[in-house]
Amino acid sequence: MTDSEAPALDLIAGFEHAAEAAGEAEDAYRKEAAARIAALALERATAFRRLNLVRGAVRAISEADEPEKAVARARFVIAQTLGWEEIGPRQELVLDRLTPFLEALRTELSTEAASTTESAAEALRGFEDWYRAEIGSDFYALFERYMPETPRVDF
């Protein structure tokens, strides 16, 4: 190597270092963005699952023929929504812990709603917190359903 090539090699080495640093910065940003997108997608999915749970419970309570059977009807609808054909002890526990929310919702939907009772939103948050602490996962993860791909058959 001649003395005249040394500055060129230093220049190339500097640009190589800058290019590698730019690549690493891009990779780090892509990982951060992917993590943020995944977090937002989970937040969205949870919000819509919560909304659908509440809509289904409101519908079940509102359509009950007898007000005293409204909560039982809502429990049944929720169990069906979760795909629970048979209710075992674990499912019964979850439904029992969800019942205060359903009762608060029934109270809020009735004309005799008292302002001293726990709100349905507070009761639902309490249930969600209990479920997360008891089970170690989000309640709304139960609504995830894996649908295997089925081959398309033309006749």
N, C-alpha and C. Protein backbone atom coordinates (compact mmCIF):
# COMPACT_ATOMS: atom_id res chain seq x y z
N MET A 1 0.85 -1.17 0.00
CA MET A 1 0.00 0.00 0.00
C MET A 1 0.90 1.23 0.00
N THR A 2 0.53 2.15 -0.82
CA THR A 2 1.32 3.39 -0.91
C THR A 2 0.72 4.44 0.01
N ASP A 3 1.52 5.46 0.25
CA ASP A 3 1.06 6.54 1.12
C ASP A 3 -0.17 7.24 0.54
N SER A 4 -0.31 7.25 -0.76
CA SER A 4 -1.45 7.93 -1.40
C SER A 4 -2.73 7.11 -1.26
N GLU A 5 -2.65 5.77 -1.05
CA GLU A 5 -3.84 4.92 -0.89
C GLU A 5 -4.39 4.96 0.52
N ALA A 6 -3.59 5.29 1.52
CA ALA A 6 -4.02 5.28 2.92
C ALA A 6 -5.22 6.18 3.19
N PRO A 7 -5.24 7.44 2.70
CA PRO A 7 -6.43 8.27 2.95
C PRO A 7 -7.68 7.69 2.29
N ALA A 8 -7.53 7.09 1.12
CA ALA A 8 -8.69 6.49 0.44
C ALA A 8 -9.23 5.32 1.23
N LEU A 9 -8.34 4.51 1.79
CA LEU A 9 -8.80 3.37 2.60
C LEU A 9 -9.49 3.85 3.88
N ASP A 10 -8.98 4.93 4.48
CA ASP A 10 -9.63 5.50 5.66
C ASP A 10 -11.01 6.03 5.30
N LEU A 11 -11.12 6.65 4.15
CA LEU A 11 -12.40 7.18 3.68
C LEU A 11 -13.40 6.04 3.47
N ILE A 12 -12.95 4.98 2.81
CA ILE A 12 -13.81 3.81 2.57
C ILE A 12 -14.22 3.18 3.89
N ALA A 13 -13.29 3.03 4.82
CA ALA A 13 -13.60 2.45 6.13
C ALA A 13 -14.63 3.29 6.86
N GLY A 14 -14.53 4.60 6.76
CA GLY A 14 -15.51 5.49 7.40
C GLY A 14 -16.89 5.32 6.81
N PHE A 15 -16.96 5.22 5.47
CA PHE A 15 -18.24 5.02 4.81
C PHE A 15 -18.83 3.63 5.12
N GLU A 16 -17.97 2.62 5.20
CA GLU A 16 -18.43 1.28 5.57
C GLU A 16 -19.05 1.31 6.97
N HIS A 17 -18.36 1.98 7.89
CA HIS A 17 -18.87 2.08 9.27
C HIS A 17 -20.21 2.82 9.28
N ALA A 18 -20.33 3.90 8.52
CA ALA A 18 -21.58 4.67 8.45
C ALA A 18 -22.70 3.82 7.85
N ALA A 19 -22.39 3.06 6.81
CA ALA A 19 -23.40 2.20 6.18
C ALA A 19 -23.87 1.12 7.14
N GLU A 20 -22.95 0.50 7.87
CA GLU A 20 -23.32 -0.53 8.85
C GLU A 20 -24.16 0.07 9.98
N ALA A 21 -23.78 1.26 10.44
CA ALA A 21 -24.53 1.93 11.50
C ALA A 21 -25.95 2.26 11.02
N ALA A 22 -26.08 2.72 9.78
CA ALA A 22 -27.39 3.03 9.21
C ALA A 22 -28.25 1.76 9.11
N GLY A 23 -27.64 0.67 8.70
CA GLY A 23 -28.36 -0.61 8.62
C GLY A 23 -28.83 -1.08 9.99
N GLU A 24 -27.97 -0.95 10.99
CA GLU A 24 -28.34 -1.35 12.35
C GLU A 24 -29.45 -0.47 12.90
N ALA A 25 -29.39 0.84 12.61
CA ALA A 25 -30.44 1.76 13.06
C ALA A 25 -31.78 1.40 12.41
N GLU A 26 -31.72 1.08 11.12
CA GLU A 26 -32.94 0.69 10.42
C GLU A 26 -33.52 -0.59 11.01
N ASP A 27 -32.68 -1.59 11.26
CA ASP A 27 -33.14 -2.86 11.84
C ASP A 27 -33.76 -2.63 13.21
N ALA A 28 -33.12 -1.79 14.03
CA ALA A 28 -33.66 -1.49 15.37
C ALA A 28 -35.01 -0.81 15.25
N TYR A 29 -35.13 0.13 14.33
CA TYR A 29 -36.40 0.83 14.15
C TYR A 29 -37.49 -0.13 13.67
N ARG A 30 -37.15 -1.01 12.75
CA ARG A 30 -38.13 -1.98 12.26
C ARG A 30 -38.62 -2.89 13.40
N LYS A 31 -37.71 -3.29 14.28
CA LYS A 31 -38.10 -4.12 15.43
C LYS A 31 -39.01 -3.35 16.37
N GLU A 32 -38.67 -2.08 16.64
CA GLU A 32 -39.50 -1.24 17.50
C GLU A 32 -40.88 -1.04 16.88
N ALA A 33 -40.90 -0.75 15.58
CA ALA A 33 -42.17 -0.53 14.89
C ALA A 33 -43.01 -1.80 14.90
N ALA A 34 -42.40 -2.94 14.67
CA ALA A 34 -43.14 -4.21 14.68
C ALA A 34 -43.71 -4.49 16.07
N ALA A 35 -42.92 -4.21 17.10
CA ALA A 35 -43.41 -4.42 18.47
C ALA A 35 -44.57 -3.47 18.77
N ARG A 36 -44.46 -2.22 18.35
CA ARG A 36 -45.53 -1.25 18.59
C ARG A 36 -46.79 -1.63 17.82
N ILE A 37 -46.64 -2.06 16.57
CA ILE A 37 -47.78 -2.49 15.77
C ILE A 37 -48.46 -3.69 16.42
N ALA A 38 -47.67 -4.64 16.90
CA ALA A 38 -48.23 -5.82 17.57
C ALA A 38 -48.99 -5.41 18.83
N ALA A 39 -48.43 -4.47 19.60
CA ALA A 39 -49.10 -4.00 20.82
C ALA A 39 -50.41 -3.30 20.48
N LEU A 40 -50.40 -2.47 19.44
CA LEU A 40 -51.63 -1.78 19.03
C LEU A 40 -52.66 -2.76 18.49
N ALA A 41 -52.23 -3.78 17.77
CA ALA A 41 -53.15 -4.79 17.24
C ALA A 41 -53.80 -5.57 18.39
N LEU A 42 -53.02 -5.90 19.41
CA LEU A 42 -53.56 -6.59 20.58
C LEU A 42 -54.56 -5.70 21.31
N GLU A 43 -54.22 -4.42 21.45
CA GLU A 43 -55.12 -3.47 22.10
C GLU A 43 -56.43 -3.35 21.34
N ARG A 44 -56.34 -3.27 20.01
CA ARG A 44 -57.54 -3.19 19.17
C ARG A 44 -58.38 -4.45 19.29
N ALA A 45 -57.73 -5.59 19.21
CA ALA A 45 -58.46 -6.86 19.30
C ALA A 45 -59.16 -6.98 20.64
N THR A 46 -58.48 -6.60 21.71
CA THR A 46 -59.09 -6.66 23.04
C THR A 46 -60.28 -5.72 23.13
N ALA A 47 -60.14 -4.51 22.59
CA ALA A 47 -61.23 -3.55 22.64
C ALA A 47 -62.46 -4.06 21.89
N PHE A 48 -62.25 -4.65 20.73
CA PHE A 48 -63.39 -5.17 19.97
C PHE A 48 -63.99 -6.41 20.63
N ARG A 49 -63.16 -7.24 21.20
CA ARG A 49 -63.69 -8.42 21.91
C ARG A 49 -64.49 -7.99 23.13
N ARG A 50 -64.00 -6.98 23.85
CA ARG A 50 -64.74 -6.45 25.01
C ARG A 50 -66.07 -5.88 24.53
N LEU A 51 -66.04 -5.11 23.45
CA LEU A 51 -67.26 -4.53 22.89
C LEU A 51 -68.26 -5.62 22.51
N ASN A 52 -67.79 -6.66 21.85
CA ASN A 52 -68.69 -7.74 21.45
C ASN A 52 -69.24 -8.49 22.65
N LEU A 53 -68.42 -8.67 23.69
CA LEU A 53 -68.90 -9.31 24.92
C LEU A 53 -70.02 -8.49 25.53
N VAL A 54 -69.82 -7.19 25.64
CA VAL A 54 -70.83 -6.32 26.24
C VAL A 54 -72.08 -6.27 25.37
N ARG A 55 -71.90 -6.15 24.06
CA ARG A 55 -73.07 -6.15 23.16
C ARG A 55 -73.89 -7.44 23.31
N GLY A 56 -73.19 -8.57 23.33
CA GLY A 56 -73.89 -9.84 23.49
C GLY A 56 -74.61 -9.95 24.82
N ALA A 57 -73.97 -9.48 25.88
CA ALA A 57 -74.58 -9.51 27.21
C ALA A 57 -75.79 -8.59 27.27
N VAL A 58 -75.68 -7.40 26.70
CA VAL A 58 -76.81 -6.46 26.68
C VAL A 58 -77.97 -7.07 25.91
N ARG A 59 -77.68 -7.66 24.76
CA ARG A 59 -78.73 -8.28 23.95
C ARG A 59 -79.40 -9.42 24.72
N ALA A 60 -78.59 -10.27 25.35
CA ALA A 60 -79.15 -11.41 26.09
C ALA A 60 -80.01 -10.93 27.25
N ILE A 61 -79.55 -9.94 27.97
CA ILE A 61 -80.31 -9.43 29.12
C ILE A 61 -81.59 -8.74 28.64
N SER A 62 -81.50 -7.97 27.58
CA SER A 62 -82.66 -7.24 27.07
C SER A 62 -83.72 -8.17 26.50
N GLU A 63 -83.30 -9.29 25.93
CA GLU A 63 -84.24 -10.21 25.29
C GLU A 63 -84.79 -11.27 26.25
N ALA A 64 -84.34 -11.25 27.49
CA ALA A 64 -84.82 -12.25 28.46
C ALA A 64 -86.30 -12.04 28.72
N ASP A 65 -87.05 -13.14 28.72
CA ASP A 65 -88.49 -13.06 28.97
C ASP A 65 -88.78 -12.64 30.40
N GLU A 66 -87.99 -13.15 31.32
CA GLU A 66 -88.20 -12.84 32.73
C GLU A 66 -86.94 -12.16 33.27
N PRO A 67 -87.08 -10.99 33.90
CA PRO A 67 -85.90 -10.25 34.38
C PRO A 67 -85.00 -11.05 35.32
N GLU A 68 -85.58 -11.93 36.12
CA GLU A 68 -84.78 -12.72 37.05
C GLU A 68 -83.93 -13.78 36.36
N LYS A 69 -84.27 -14.08 35.11
CA LYS A 69 -83.50 -15.06 34.35
C LYS A 69 -82.53 -14.40 33.36
N ALA A 70 -82.46 -13.08 33.37
CA ALA A 70 -81.65 -12.35 32.40
C ALA A 70 -80.16 -12.65 32.57
N VAL A 71 -79.68 -12.69 33.80
CA VAL A 71 -78.26 -12.94 34.04
C VAL A 71 -77.90 -14.38 33.63
N ALA A 72 -78.77 -15.32 33.95
CA ALA A 72 -78.52 -16.71 33.56
C ALA A 72 -78.47 -16.83 32.03
N ARG A 73 -79.35 -16.11 31.36
CA ARG A 73 -79.36 -16.13 29.89
C ARG A 73 -78.05 -15.54 29.36
N ALA A 74 -77.60 -14.44 29.93
CA ALA A 74 -76.35 -13.81 29.50
C ALA A 74 -75.16 -14.74 29.73
N ARG A 75 -75.16 -15.43 30.87
CA ARG A 75 -74.08 -16.40 31.14
C ARG A 75 -74.06 -17.49 30.07
N PHE A 76 -75.24 -17.98 29.72
CA PHE A 76 -75.36 -19.02 28.70
C PHE A 76 -74.84 -18.52 27.35
N VAL A 77 -75.23 -17.31 26.97
CA VAL A 77 -74.80 -16.74 25.69
C VAL A 77 -73.28 -16.57 25.67
N ILE A 78 -72.71 -16.11 26.77
CA ILE A 78 -71.25 -15.93 26.83
C ILE A 78 -70.55 -17.29 26.74
N ALA A 79 -71.07 -18.27 27.44
CA ALA A 79 -70.48 -19.62 27.36
C ALA A 79 -70.52 -20.14 25.93
N GLN A 80 -71.63 -19.93 25.26
CA GLN A 80 -71.74 -20.35 23.87
C GLN A 80 -70.74 -19.61 22.99
N THR A 81 -70.62 -18.31 23.20
CA THR A 81 -69.69 -17.50 22.42
C THR A 81 -68.26 -18.00 22.58
N LEU A 82 -67.93 -18.45 23.78
CA LEU A 82 -66.59 -18.97 24.03
C LEU A 82 -66.41 -20.41 23.56
N GLY A 83 -67.48 -21.01 23.08
CA GLY A 83 -67.39 -22.39 22.60
C GLY A 83 -67.42 -23.41 23.71
N TRP A 84 -67.92 -23.02 24.87
CA TRP A 84 -67.99 -23.93 26.01
C TRP A 84 -69.29 -24.74 25.93
N GLU A 85 -69.21 -25.91 25.37
CA GLU A 85 -70.39 -26.75 25.25
C GLU A 85 -70.74 -27.41 26.57
N GLU A 86 -69.71 -27.78 27.32
CA GLU A 86 -69.90 -28.34 28.66
C GLU A 86 -69.22 -27.41 29.65
N ILE A 87 -69.90 -27.15 30.74
CA ILE A 87 -69.37 -26.23 31.74
C ILE A 87 -68.75 -27.06 32.87
N GLY A 88 -67.43 -27.02 32.93
CA GLY A 88 -66.71 -27.69 33.99
C GLY A 88 -66.46 -26.72 35.14
N PRO A 89 -65.76 -27.18 36.16
CA PRO A 89 -65.50 -26.31 37.31
C PRO A 89 -64.75 -25.02 36.95
N ARG A 90 -63.81 -25.11 36.04
CA ARG A 90 -63.04 -23.92 35.66
C ARG A 90 -63.92 -22.91 34.93
N GLN A 91 -64.74 -23.38 34.01
CA GLN A 91 -65.65 -22.49 33.30
C GLN A 91 -66.68 -21.89 34.25
N GLU A 92 -67.16 -22.72 35.16
CA GLU A 92 -68.14 -22.24 36.15
C GLU A 92 -67.54 -21.12 37.00
N LEU A 93 -66.28 -21.28 37.40
CA LEU A 93 -65.60 -20.26 38.18
C LEU A 93 -65.52 -18.95 37.39
N VAL A 94 -65.15 -19.04 36.13
CA VAL A 94 -65.05 -17.83 35.29
C VAL A 94 -66.42 -17.18 35.17
N LEU A 95 -67.45 -17.95 34.90
CA LEU A 95 -68.80 -17.39 34.76
C LEU A 95 -69.28 -16.80 36.09
N ASP A 96 -68.96 -17.46 37.20
CA ASP A 96 -69.33 -16.92 38.52
C ASP A 96 -68.67 -15.58 38.77
N ARG A 97 -67.40 -15.47 38.40
CA ARG A 97 -66.68 -14.21 38.60
C ARG A 97 -67.14 -13.13 37.63
N LEU A 98 -67.73 -13.52 36.53
CA LEU A 98 -68.26 -12.57 35.55
C LEU A 98 -69.67 -12.10 35.93
N THR A 99 -70.34 -12.85 36.77
CA THR A 99 -71.72 -12.56 37.13
C THR A 99 -71.93 -11.18 37.75
N PRO A 100 -71.05 -10.67 38.62
CA PRO A 100 -71.28 -9.30 39.13
C PRO A 100 -71.34 -8.25 38.01
N PHE A 101 -70.56 -8.43 36.97
CA PHE A 101 -70.65 -7.54 35.81
C PHE A 101 -72.02 -7.65 35.17
N LEU A 102 -72.49 -8.88 34.97
CA LEU A 102 -73.79 -9.08 34.33
C LEU A 102 -74.92 -8.52 35.19
N GLU A 103 -74.82 -8.69 36.50
CA GLU A 103 -75.84 -8.13 37.39
C GLU A 103 -75.82 -6.61 37.36
N ALA A 104 -74.63 -6.02 37.36
CA ALA A 104 -74.52 -4.56 37.28
C ALA A 104 -75.06 -4.07 35.95
N LEU A 105 -74.80 -4.80 34.89
CA LEU A 105 -75.31 -4.44 33.58
C LEU A 105 -76.84 -4.51 33.56
N ARG A 106 -77.39 -5.57 34.13
CA ARG A 106 -78.85 -5.70 34.21
C ARG A 106 -79.45 -4.54 34.99
N THR A 107 -78.80 -4.17 36.08
CA THR A 107 -79.28 -3.05 36.89
C THR A 107 -79.24 -1.75 36.09
N GLU A 108 -78.16 -1.53 35.37
CA GLU A 108 -78.05 -0.31 34.57
C GLU A 108 -79.07 -0.28 33.44
N LEU A 109 -79.43 -1.43 32.92
CA LEU A 109 -80.40 -1.50 31.83
C LEU A 109 -81.84 -1.36 32.33
N SER A 110 -82.05 -1.62 33.61
CA SER A 110 -83.40 -1.54 34.15
C SER A 110 -83.73 -0.10 34.51
N THR A 111 -85.01 0.16 34.72
CA THR A 111 -85.44 1.51 35.10
C THR A 111 -85.16 1.80 36.56
N GLU A 112 -84.91 0.77 37.34
CA GLU A 112 -84.67 0.95 38.77
C GLU A 112 -83.19 1.06 39.09
N ALA A 113 -82.39 1.46 38.12
CA ALA A 113 -80.94 1.55 38.33
C ALA A 113 -80.62 2.51 39.47
N ALA A 114 -79.86 2.01 40.42
CA ALA A 114 -79.47 2.81 41.58
C ALA A 114 -78.06 3.33 41.38
N SER A 115 -77.83 4.57 41.74
CA SER A 115 -76.51 5.16 41.53
C SER A 115 -75.49 4.65 42.55
N THR A 116 -75.94 3.93 43.58
CA THR A 116 -75.01 3.44 44.60
C THR A 116 -74.40 2.10 44.23
N THR A 117 -74.91 1.44 43.22
CA THR A 117 -74.37 0.13 42.85
C THR A 117 -73.11 0.31 42.02
N GLU A 118 -72.30 -0.74 42.01
CA GLU A 118 -71.08 -0.73 41.21
C GLU A 118 -71.45 -0.65 39.74
N SER A 119 -70.77 0.18 38.99
CA SER A 119 -71.08 0.28 37.57
C SER A 119 -70.64 -0.99 36.84
N ALA A 120 -71.29 -1.23 35.73
CA ALA A 120 -70.94 -2.41 34.94
C ALA A 120 -69.50 -2.31 34.44
N ALA A 121 -69.07 -1.12 34.06
CA ALA A 121 -67.69 -0.94 33.57
C ALA A 121 -66.69 -1.27 34.68
N GLU A 122 -66.96 -0.81 35.91
CA GLU A 122 -66.07 -1.12 37.04
C GLU A 122 -66.06 -2.62 37.32
N ALA A 123 -67.23 -3.23 37.27
CA ALA A 123 -67.32 -4.67 37.53
C ALA A 123 -66.56 -5.46 36.46
N LEU A 124 -66.66 -5.03 35.21
CA LEU A 124 -65.95 -5.72 34.13
C LEU A 124 -64.45 -5.57 34.30
N ARG A 125 -64.00 -4.36 34.64
CA ARG A 125 -62.56 -4.17 34.89
C ARG A 125 -62.08 -5.03 36.05
N GLY A 126 -62.90 -5.13 37.09
CA GLY A 126 -62.55 -5.99 38.23
C GLY A 126 -62.43 -7.44 37.81
N PHE A 127 -63.35 -7.90 36.98
CA PHE A 127 -63.29 -9.27 36.47
C PHE A 127 -62.04 -9.48 35.64
N GLU A 128 -61.75 -8.54 34.73
CA GLU A 128 -60.56 -8.66 33.88
C GLU A 128 -59.29 -8.73 34.72
N ASP A 129 -59.22 -7.89 35.75
CA ASP A 129 -58.05 -7.90 36.64
C ASP A 129 -57.94 -9.24 37.37
N TRP A 130 -59.07 -9.74 37.87
CA TRP A 130 -59.06 -11.04 38.56
C TRP A 130 -58.59 -12.14 37.60
N TYR A 131 -59.12 -12.15 36.40
CA TYR A 131 -58.77 -13.19 35.44
C TYR A 131 -57.28 -13.16 35.13
N ARG A 132 -56.75 -11.97 34.89
CA ARG A 132 -55.32 -11.83 34.58
C ARG A 132 -54.47 -12.33 35.74
N ALA A 133 -54.87 -11.99 36.98
CA ALA A 133 -54.11 -12.43 38.16
C ALA A 133 -54.26 -13.93 38.39
N GLU A 134 -55.45 -14.45 38.18
CA GLU A 134 -55.73 -15.88 38.45
C GLU A 134 -55.16 -16.80 37.37
N ILE A 135 -55.36 -16.44 36.13
CA ILE A 135 -55.01 -17.31 35.01
C ILE A 135 -53.64 -16.96 34.42
N GLY A 136 -53.28 -15.69 34.50
CA GLY A 136 -51.98 -15.28 33.96
C GLY A 136 -52.04 -14.85 32.51
N SER A 137 -53.23 -14.68 31.99
CA SER A 137 -53.39 -14.20 30.61
C SER A 137 -54.62 -13.31 30.55
N ASP A 138 -54.81 -12.70 29.41
CA ASP A 138 -55.94 -11.82 29.20
C ASP A 138 -57.20 -12.65 28.95
N PHE A 139 -58.31 -12.29 29.55
CA PHE A 139 -59.57 -13.01 29.37
C PHE A 139 -59.96 -13.08 27.90
N TYR A 140 -59.73 -12.00 27.19
CA TYR A 140 -60.19 -11.93 25.80
C TYR A 140 -59.38 -12.83 24.87
N ALA A 141 -58.30 -13.40 25.36
CA ALA A 141 -57.57 -14.38 24.57
C ALA A 141 -58.42 -15.63 24.35
N LEU A 142 -59.42 -15.84 25.22
CA LEU A 142 -60.32 -16.99 25.04
C LEU A 142 -61.14 -16.88 23.76
N PHE A 143 -61.27 -15.66 23.26
CA PHE A 143 -62.07 -15.45 22.05
C PHE A 143 -61.29 -15.74 20.77
N GLU A 144 -59.99 -15.98 20.90
CA GLU A 144 -59.19 -16.30 19.73
C GLU A 144 -59.54 -17.71 19.28
N ARG A 145 -59.81 -17.84 18.04
CA ARG A 145 -60.16 -19.14 17.50
C ARG A 145 -59.27 -19.43 16.31
N TYR A 146 -58.55 -20.51 16.38
CA TYR A 146 -57.73 -20.92 15.25
C TYR A 146 -58.63 -21.61 14.25
N MET A 147 -58.61 -21.11 13.05
CA MET A 147 -59.41 -21.70 11.99
C MET A 147 -58.45 -22.35 11.00
N PRO A 148 -58.35 -23.68 11.02
CA PRO A 148 -57.44 -24.33 10.08
C PRO A 148 -57.91 -24.11 8.65
N GLU A 149 -56.93 -23.99 7.78
CA GLU A 149 -57.28 -23.82 6.38
C GLU A 149 -57.87 -25.13 5.86
N THR A 150 -58.92 -24.98 5.13
CA THR A 150 -59.54 -26.16 4.54
C THR A 150 -59.36 -26.07 3.03
N PRO A 151 -59.09 -27.20 2.42
CA PRO A 151 -58.89 -27.17 0.98
C PRO A 151 -60.20 -26.85 0.25
N ARG A 152 -60.05 -26.13 -0.81
CA ARG A 152 -61.22 -25.81 -1.62
C ARG A 152 -61.41 -26.95 -2.61
N VAL A 153 -62.61 -27.43 -2.64
CA VAL A 153 -62.91 -28.56 -3.52
C VAL A 153 -63.99 -28.12 -4.51
N ASP A 154 -63.68 -28.23 -5.77
CA ASP A 154 -64.66 -27.91 -6.81
C ASP A 154 -65.24 -29.20 -7.33
N PHE A 155 -66.52 -29.20 -7.50
CA PHE A 155 -67.18 -30.39 -8.04
C PHE A 155 -67.64 -30.15 -9.44
